[in-house]
Amino acid sequence: MAESKSVKRKFDDVAKAESKPSGTKKFAGHWSQGLLASMNDPDLIVEKDDKLTVIKDKYPKAKHHFLVMPKETIPNLKSLKQEHLDLLKHMEKIARDVAQRTDKKIKFRFGYHAVPSMSHLHLHAISQDFDSPSLKTKKHWNSFTSPYFVDSSEVIKRLEKEHKVDFNQKENTEYLSLDLKCHVCGRPMKNMPSLKSHIRTHSYTCDS
């Protein structure tokens, strides 16, 4: 009888533990919120002013990959309003300045993911060599070389004209599954290793 009661107590204890709500602590540490922590990481910060912070991407997808983020809480492109126009233009200017100081000869693109996976608005400044061990998958590649990657100038233009920036989620997510091809010559590639080997044959200097 005593053993039976002991087993029942253990069962009840487990049931209570599993029924407890997980609370918000787990969500607070979710990877999608990581950019907010990175904005305060001295090892990642490149520069900052009263409106924004520039950091090195923690998992760069090219030789040079920076993120420009506003200090104002702006979760994503959908959250932008017309009064943010000056901020977006300032973000692009700073991104171009950082790129110039980093490497004047190499080509960069400046843009946003149409459907970003990370919370908090961020502008990518990324060199077009895509020379990085962190660039591993088709999704990584297509997120920077397909229409999924929207130039900063296009985002600014949309906000000026439509007073909002709202991209179709389903349509843009499908771009991530496109077949691999070189972003310079358009040559089809069967896999990431062959693609990464091929793109090394191209030049990424500004005068090429």
Protein backbone atom coordinates (compact mmCIF):
# COMPACT_ATOMS: atom_id res chain seq x y z
CA MET A 1 0.00 0.00 0.00
CA ALA A 2 2.80 2.41 0.92
CA GLU A 3 4.50 1.70 -2.41
CA SER A 4 1.25 2.33 -4.26
CA LYS A 5 0.84 5.74 -2.58
CA SER A 6 4.45 6.64 -3.39
CA VAL A 7 3.95 5.85 -7.08
CA LYS A 8 0.75 7.91 -7.12
CA ARG A 9 2.54 10.92 -5.56
CA LYS A 10 5.29 10.73 -8.21
CA PHE A 11 2.68 10.54 -10.95
CA ASP A 12 0.84 13.56 -9.56
CA ASP A 13 4.08 15.55 -9.29
CA VAL A 14 4.94 14.89 -12.93
CA ALA A 15 1.43 15.79 -14.06
CA LYS A 16 1.59 19.10 -12.17
CA ALA A 17 4.99 19.95 -13.65
CA GLU A 18 3.83 19.26 -17.20
CA SER A 19 0.67 21.30 -16.72
CA LYS A 20 2.48 24.46 -15.63
CA PRO A 21 2.45 27.26 -18.21
CA SER A 22 5.83 27.95 -19.78
CA GLY A 23 5.41 31.72 -19.34
CA THR A 24 7.15 34.35 -21.46
CA LYS A 25 10.77 33.65 -20.64
CA LYS A 26 11.08 31.04 -23.34
CA PHE A 27 9.64 33.40 -25.98
CA ALA A 28 11.85 36.24 -24.83
CA GLY A 29 14.88 34.21 -25.81
CA HIS A 30 13.49 33.11 -29.18
CA TRP A 31 16.00 33.32 -32.03
CA SER A 32 13.74 35.68 -34.02
CA GLN A 33 14.30 38.32 -31.32
CA GLY A 34 18.08 38.04 -31.49
CA LEU A 35 18.68 41.31 -33.33
CA LEU A 36 17.64 43.35 -30.31
CA ALA A 37 20.37 41.71 -28.24
CA SER A 38 22.92 42.10 -31.04
CA MET A 39 22.33 45.85 -31.13
CA ASN A 40 23.97 46.02 -27.70
CA ASP A 41 26.82 43.59 -28.37
CA PRO A 42 30.09 45.58 -28.42
CA ASP A 43 31.76 42.84 -30.45
CA LEU A 44 29.26 43.35 -33.28
CA ILE A 45 28.68 47.11 -33.26
CA VAL A 46 30.33 48.99 -36.12
CA GLU A 47 28.91 52.43 -35.42
CA LYS A 48 25.82 54.15 -34.08
CA ASP A 49 24.19 57.54 -33.83
CA ASP A 50 21.05 58.91 -32.22
CA LYS A 51 18.79 57.17 -34.77
CA LEU A 52 20.39 53.83 -35.59
CA THR A 53 22.96 51.14 -34.87
CA VAL A 54 25.10 49.32 -37.43
CA ILE A 55 26.32 45.83 -36.59
CA LYS A 56 28.22 43.05 -38.32
CA ASP A 57 25.87 40.20 -39.18
CA LYS A 58 26.51 37.41 -36.69
CA TYR A 59 26.26 34.82 -39.49
CA PRO A 60 27.44 36.77 -42.56
CA LYS A 61 26.39 35.50 -45.97
CA ALA A 62 29.26 37.30 -47.75
CA LYS A 63 32.74 38.61 -47.05
CA HIS A 64 31.17 41.85 -45.81
CA HIS A 65 27.67 41.80 -44.33
CA PHE A 66 26.24 44.54 -42.12
CA LEU A 67 22.82 45.25 -40.62
CA VAL A 68 21.54 48.79 -40.12
CA MET A 69 18.80 49.00 -37.49
CA PRO A 70 16.76 51.90 -36.15
CA LYS A 71 16.72 52.56 -32.42
CA GLU A 72 13.01 53.23 -32.71
CA THR A 73 10.93 50.09 -32.25
CA ILE A 74 9.84 49.13 -35.78
CA PRO A 75 9.10 45.39 -36.01
CA ASN A 76 9.06 45.05 -39.81
CA LEU A 77 8.34 46.68 -43.18
CA LYS A 78 4.58 46.53 -42.57
CA SER A 79 5.06 48.77 -39.54
CA LEU A 80 6.53 51.61 -41.60
CA LYS A 81 4.61 54.86 -41.95
CA GLN A 82 5.18 57.86 -44.15
CA GLU A 83 6.91 59.70 -41.32
CA HIS A 84 9.65 57.06 -41.46
CA LEU A 85 10.85 58.18 -44.90
CA ASP A 86 13.69 60.31 -43.57
CA LEU A 87 14.79 57.46 -41.32
CA LEU A 88 14.92 54.99 -44.23
CA LYS A 89 16.96 57.42 -46.31
CA HIS A 90 19.32 57.96 -43.40
CA MET A 91 19.69 54.19 -42.94
CA GLU A 92 20.65 53.76 -46.59
CA LYS A 93 23.13 56.64 -46.46
CA ILE A 94 24.86 55.19 -43.42
CA ALA A 95 24.88 51.72 -45.01
CA ARG A 96 26.60 53.11 -48.10
CA ASP A 97 29.10 55.01 -45.97
CA VAL A 98 30.01 51.87 -44.02
CA ALA A 99 30.38 49.89 -47.26
CA GLN A 100 32.67 52.54 -48.73
CA ARG A 101 34.86 52.60 -45.67
CA THR A 102 35.00 48.80 -45.58
CA ASP A 103 35.96 48.20 -49.21
CA LYS A 104 35.71 50.86 -51.92
CA LYS A 105 36.32 48.42 -54.75
CA ILE A 106 33.80 45.67 -54.11
CA LYS A 107 30.13 45.81 -55.11
CA PHE A 108 27.46 45.93 -52.41
CA ARG A 109 23.68 45.74 -52.42
CA PHE A 110 21.49 47.48 -49.90
CA GLY A 111 18.07 46.05 -49.20
CA TYR A 112 15.48 44.29 -47.10
CA HIS A 113 13.97 40.81 -47.05
CA ALA A 114 10.36 41.04 -48.21
CA VAL A 115 9.33 38.56 -45.50
CA PRO A 116 12.07 38.73 -42.84
CA SER A 117 12.52 35.92 -40.33
CA MET A 118 14.01 38.22 -37.69
CA SER A 119 11.95 40.74 -35.76
CA HIS A 120 13.00 44.43 -35.80
CA LEU A 121 13.48 46.32 -39.04
CA HIS A 122 16.96 45.88 -40.52
CA LEU A 123 18.64 46.98 -43.73
CA HIS A 124 21.25 44.61 -45.18
CA ALA A 125 24.47 45.95 -46.67
CA ILE A 126 26.03 42.89 -48.29
CA SER A 127 28.98 42.47 -50.64
CA GLN A 128 28.18 40.58 -53.82
CA ASP A 129 31.01 38.04 -53.58
CA PHE A 130 28.92 35.85 -51.22
CA ASP A 131 32.16 34.42 -49.92
CA SER A 132 31.21 33.00 -46.53
CA PRO A 133 31.04 29.60 -44.80
CA SER A 134 27.70 30.71 -43.31
CA LEU A 135 26.13 30.69 -46.78
CA LYS A 136 25.00 27.06 -46.80
CA THR A 137 21.53 26.52 -48.24
CA LYS A 138 19.31 27.31 -51.22
CA LYS A 139 17.18 29.41 -48.90
CA HIS A 140 20.21 31.48 -47.87
CA TRP A 141 21.15 32.03 -51.51
CA ASN A 142 17.70 32.92 -52.82
CA SER A 143 17.02 35.27 -49.91
CA PHE A 144 19.71 37.59 -51.29
CA THR A 145 19.66 36.92 -55.05
CA SER A 146 15.96 36.66 -55.94
CA PRO A 147 13.13 39.24 -55.82
CA TYR A 148 12.80 38.23 -52.15
CA PHE A 149 15.61 40.74 -51.56
CA VAL A 150 14.16 44.20 -52.17
CA ASP A 151 16.46 47.14 -52.82
CA SER A 152 16.32 49.96 -50.30
CA SER A 153 15.44 52.42 -53.06
CA GLU A 154 12.37 50.33 -53.95
CA VAL A 155 11.18 50.26 -50.33
CA ILE A 156 11.57 54.04 -50.08
CA LYS A 157 9.74 54.52 -53.38
CA ARG A 158 6.83 52.37 -52.22
CA LEU A 159 6.52 54.21 -48.94
CA GLU A 160 6.56 57.56 -50.74
CA LYS A 161 3.93 56.49 -53.28
CA GLU A 162 1.65 54.16 -51.30
CA HIS A 163 2.35 55.37 -47.74
CA LYS A 164 2.97 51.76 -46.73
CA VAL A 165 5.19 48.78 -47.54
CA ASP A 166 3.40 45.47 -47.74
CA PHE A 167 4.73 42.53 -49.74
CA ASN A 168 2.72 39.40 -50.52
CA GLN A 169 3.98 36.78 -48.06
CA LYS A 170 3.03 33.66 -50.05
CA GLU A 171 4.43 34.96 -53.34
CA ASN A 172 7.72 36.09 -51.83
CA THR A 173 8.22 32.98 -49.71
CA GLU A 174 8.03 30.93 -52.92
CA TYR A 175 11.13 32.73 -54.22
CA LEU A 176 13.17 30.91 -51.58
CA SER A 177 12.52 27.61 -53.38
CA LEU A 178 13.70 28.75 -56.82
CA ASP A 179 16.31 26.63 -58.58
CA LEU A 180 19.89 27.68 -57.93
CA LYS A 181 21.53 29.93 -60.49
CA CYS A 182 24.48 32.32 -60.59
CA HIS A 183 23.50 35.89 -59.71
CA VAL A 184 25.98 37.25 -62.27
CA CYS A 185 25.63 35.14 -65.43
CA GLY A 186 22.41 33.25 -64.65
CA ARG A 187 23.99 29.83 -65.13
CA PRO A 188 21.95 27.03 -63.49
CA MET A 189 23.66 25.16 -60.67
CA LYS A 190 22.84 21.70 -59.32
CA ASN A 191 23.85 22.31 -55.71
CA MET A 192 25.43 24.82 -53.31
CA PRO A 193 29.03 23.48 -53.53
CA SER A 194 29.05 23.81 -57.32
CA LEU A 195 27.45 27.25 -57.10
CA LYS A 196 29.97 28.52 -54.56
CA SER A 197 32.81 27.20 -56.69
CA HIS A 198 31.40 28.85 -59.80
CA ILE A 199 30.80 32.31 -58.33
CA ARG A 200 34.48 32.55 -57.42
CA THR A 201 35.20 32.82 -61.15
CA HIS A 202 33.45 36.18 -61.35
CA SER A 203 34.78 39.60 -60.40
CA TYR A 204 32.86 41.71 -57.93
CA THR A 205 34.73 44.99 -58.24
CA CYS A 206 32.75 48.16 -58.91
CA ASP A 207 34.33 48.66 -62.35
CA SER A 208 33.64 45.14 -63.60
